[in-house]
Amino acid sequence: MALLIPLFKLAPPLYRWRIRSRIYRWYEILREIEGELCQDAELKVLRKHAATLSSMEQELDDLDCVPLAYMEEFYNLRLHGEFVDRRVTRALTAAEKPTPQDPERNVADTTTVVDDS
């Protein structure tokens, strides 16, 4: 009995740590992606980040066991995930735009006009 009392005191902090560690694990992924966005990431890396964010969103959608006491942190995580996803999407759009120096992407520059005069 004397051993059970300290265990009961230890249970709530362990539970809080367990729930928060699951949320912070996803925040770590978001921080890594944001860190790479600050550097000029390549198109391949941006696509990988978009796929990672998509699978993360799917995991969060499937998660149904978040206690009510931690819903604020959970929804903040979802908001931050959407924010990073928008940044990745903007970076992807900018990276995929054709440039005048890129002949493979800019097909309109390679067309020639034939004069039949």
Protein backbone atom coordinates (compact mmCIF):
# COMPACT_ATOMS: atom_id res chain seq x y z
CA MET A 1 0.00 0.00 0.00
CA ALA A 2 2.85 2.36 0.81
CA LEU A 3 4.21 1.88 -2.70
CA LEU A 4 0.89 2.66 -4.39
CA ILE A 5 0.60 6.21 -3.03
CA PRO A 6 3.74 7.49 -4.81
CA LEU A 7 2.56 5.76 -8.00
CA PHE A 8 -0.76 7.61 -7.84
CA LYS A 9 1.14 10.89 -7.51
CA LEU A 10 3.30 10.00 -10.48
CA ALA A 11 0.45 8.96 -12.81
CA PRO A 12 -0.96 12.44 -13.76
CA PRO A 13 2.42 13.94 -14.76
CA LEU A 14 3.22 10.82 -16.80
CA TYR A 15 -0.13 11.04 -18.54
CA ARG A 16 0.38 14.75 -19.35
CA TRP A 17 3.86 14.01 -20.67
CA ARG A 18 2.57 11.17 -22.85
CA ILE A 19 -0.16 13.26 -24.46
CA ARG A 20 2.04 16.32 -24.98
CA SER A 21 4.91 14.26 -26.37
CA ARG A 22 2.60 13.00 -29.12
CA ILE A 23 1.65 16.57 -30.03
CA TYR A 24 5.24 17.83 -29.82
CA ARG A 25 6.39 15.03 -32.12
CA TRP A 26 4.33 16.59 -34.92
CA TYR A 27 5.56 20.07 -34.02
CA GLU A 28 9.11 18.79 -34.50
CA ILE A 29 8.21 17.75 -38.06
CA LEU A 30 6.68 21.18 -38.74
CA ARG A 31 9.77 22.93 -37.41
CA GLU A 32 12.06 20.87 -39.66
CA ILE A 33 9.95 21.70 -42.72
CA GLU A 34 9.86 25.40 -41.85
CA GLY A 35 13.61 25.41 -41.33
CA GLU A 36 14.16 24.01 -44.80
CA LEU A 37 11.70 26.51 -46.28
CA CYS A 38 13.90 29.35 -45.05
CA GLN A 39 16.65 27.93 -47.24
CA ASP A 40 15.88 27.80 -50.94
CA ALA A 41 14.57 24.25 -51.14
CA GLU A 42 14.60 22.28 -54.37
CA LEU A 43 11.41 21.18 -56.08
CA LYS A 44 11.96 17.56 -55.06
CA VAL A 45 12.32 18.55 -51.39
CA LEU A 46 9.21 20.73 -51.55
CA ARG A 47 7.19 17.85 -52.99
CA LYS A 48 8.46 15.58 -50.21
CA HIS A 49 7.36 18.17 -47.63
CA ALA A 50 3.93 18.44 -49.26
CA ALA A 51 3.54 14.65 -49.04
CA THR A 52 4.69 14.65 -45.41
CA LEU A 53 2.18 17.37 -44.51
CA SER A 54 -0.57 15.51 -46.32
CA SER A 55 0.10 12.29 -44.41
CA MET A 56 0.37 14.28 -41.17
CA GLU A 57 -3.03 15.85 -41.83
CA GLN A 58 -4.48 12.41 -42.51
CA GLU A 59 -3.06 11.09 -39.22
CA LEU A 60 -4.52 14.03 -37.34
CA ASP A 61 -7.90 13.51 -39.01
CA ASP A 62 -7.90 9.86 -37.95
CA LEU A 63 -6.93 10.69 -34.37
CA ASP A 64 -9.97 10.50 -32.14
CA CYS A 65 -8.52 9.89 -28.70
CA VAL A 66 -7.34 13.38 -27.76
CA PRO A 67 -8.58 14.23 -24.27
CA LEU A 68 -10.65 17.40 -23.98
CA ALA A 69 -8.03 19.02 -21.75
CA TYR A 70 -5.57 18.95 -24.67
CA MET A 71 -7.88 19.97 -27.50
CA GLU A 72 -6.52 23.53 -27.55
CA GLU A 73 -2.99 22.26 -28.16
CA PHE A 74 -4.34 19.80 -30.73
CA TYR A 75 -6.20 22.49 -32.68
CA ASN A 76 -3.21 24.82 -32.49
CA LEU A 77 -1.16 22.01 -34.03
CA ARG A 78 -3.70 21.66 -36.83
CA LEU A 79 -3.64 25.43 -37.47
CA HIS A 80 0.14 25.49 -37.57
CA GLY A 81 0.10 22.49 -39.90
CA GLU A 82 -2.22 24.35 -42.29
CA PHE A 83 0.02 27.43 -42.09
CA VAL A 84 3.13 25.45 -43.01
CA ASP A 85 1.19 23.65 -45.74
CA ARG A 86 0.23 26.99 -47.31
CA ARG A 87 3.86 28.10 -47.22
CA VAL A 88 4.99 24.86 -48.90
CA THR A 89 2.25 25.21 -51.52
CA ARG A 90 3.34 28.80 -52.28
CA ALA A 91 6.97 27.71 -52.54
CA LEU A 92 5.97 24.83 -54.84
CA THR A 93 3.96 27.16 -57.05
CA ALA A 94 6.85 29.60 -57.28
CA ALA A 95 9.34 26.80 -58.02
CA GLU A 96 7.17 25.30 -60.75
CA LYS A 97 6.63 28.58 -62.63
CA PRO A 98 8.50 28.66 -65.93
CA THR A 99 11.33 31.13 -66.22
CA PRO A 100 12.63 32.72 -69.43
CA GLN A 101 15.98 30.99 -68.89
CA ASP A 102 14.38 27.53 -68.66
CA PRO A 103 13.61 26.35 -72.22
CA GLU A 104 12.20 22.99 -71.10
CA ARG A 105 9.47 24.59 -69.03
CA ASN A 106 8.69 27.57 -71.24
CA VAL A 107 7.35 26.04 -74.45
CA ALA A 108 5.88 29.33 -75.73
CA ASP A 109 9.39 30.76 -76.23
CA THR A 110 10.44 27.92 -78.52
CA THR A 111 7.71 28.33 -81.13
CA THR A 112 8.84 29.80 -84.40
CA VAL A 113 6.79 31.80 -86.84
CA VAL A 114 7.10 30.78 -90.48
CA ASP A 115 6.66 33.57 -93.03
CA ASP A 116 5.01 32.25 -96.22
CA SER A 117 5.59 35.46 -98.25
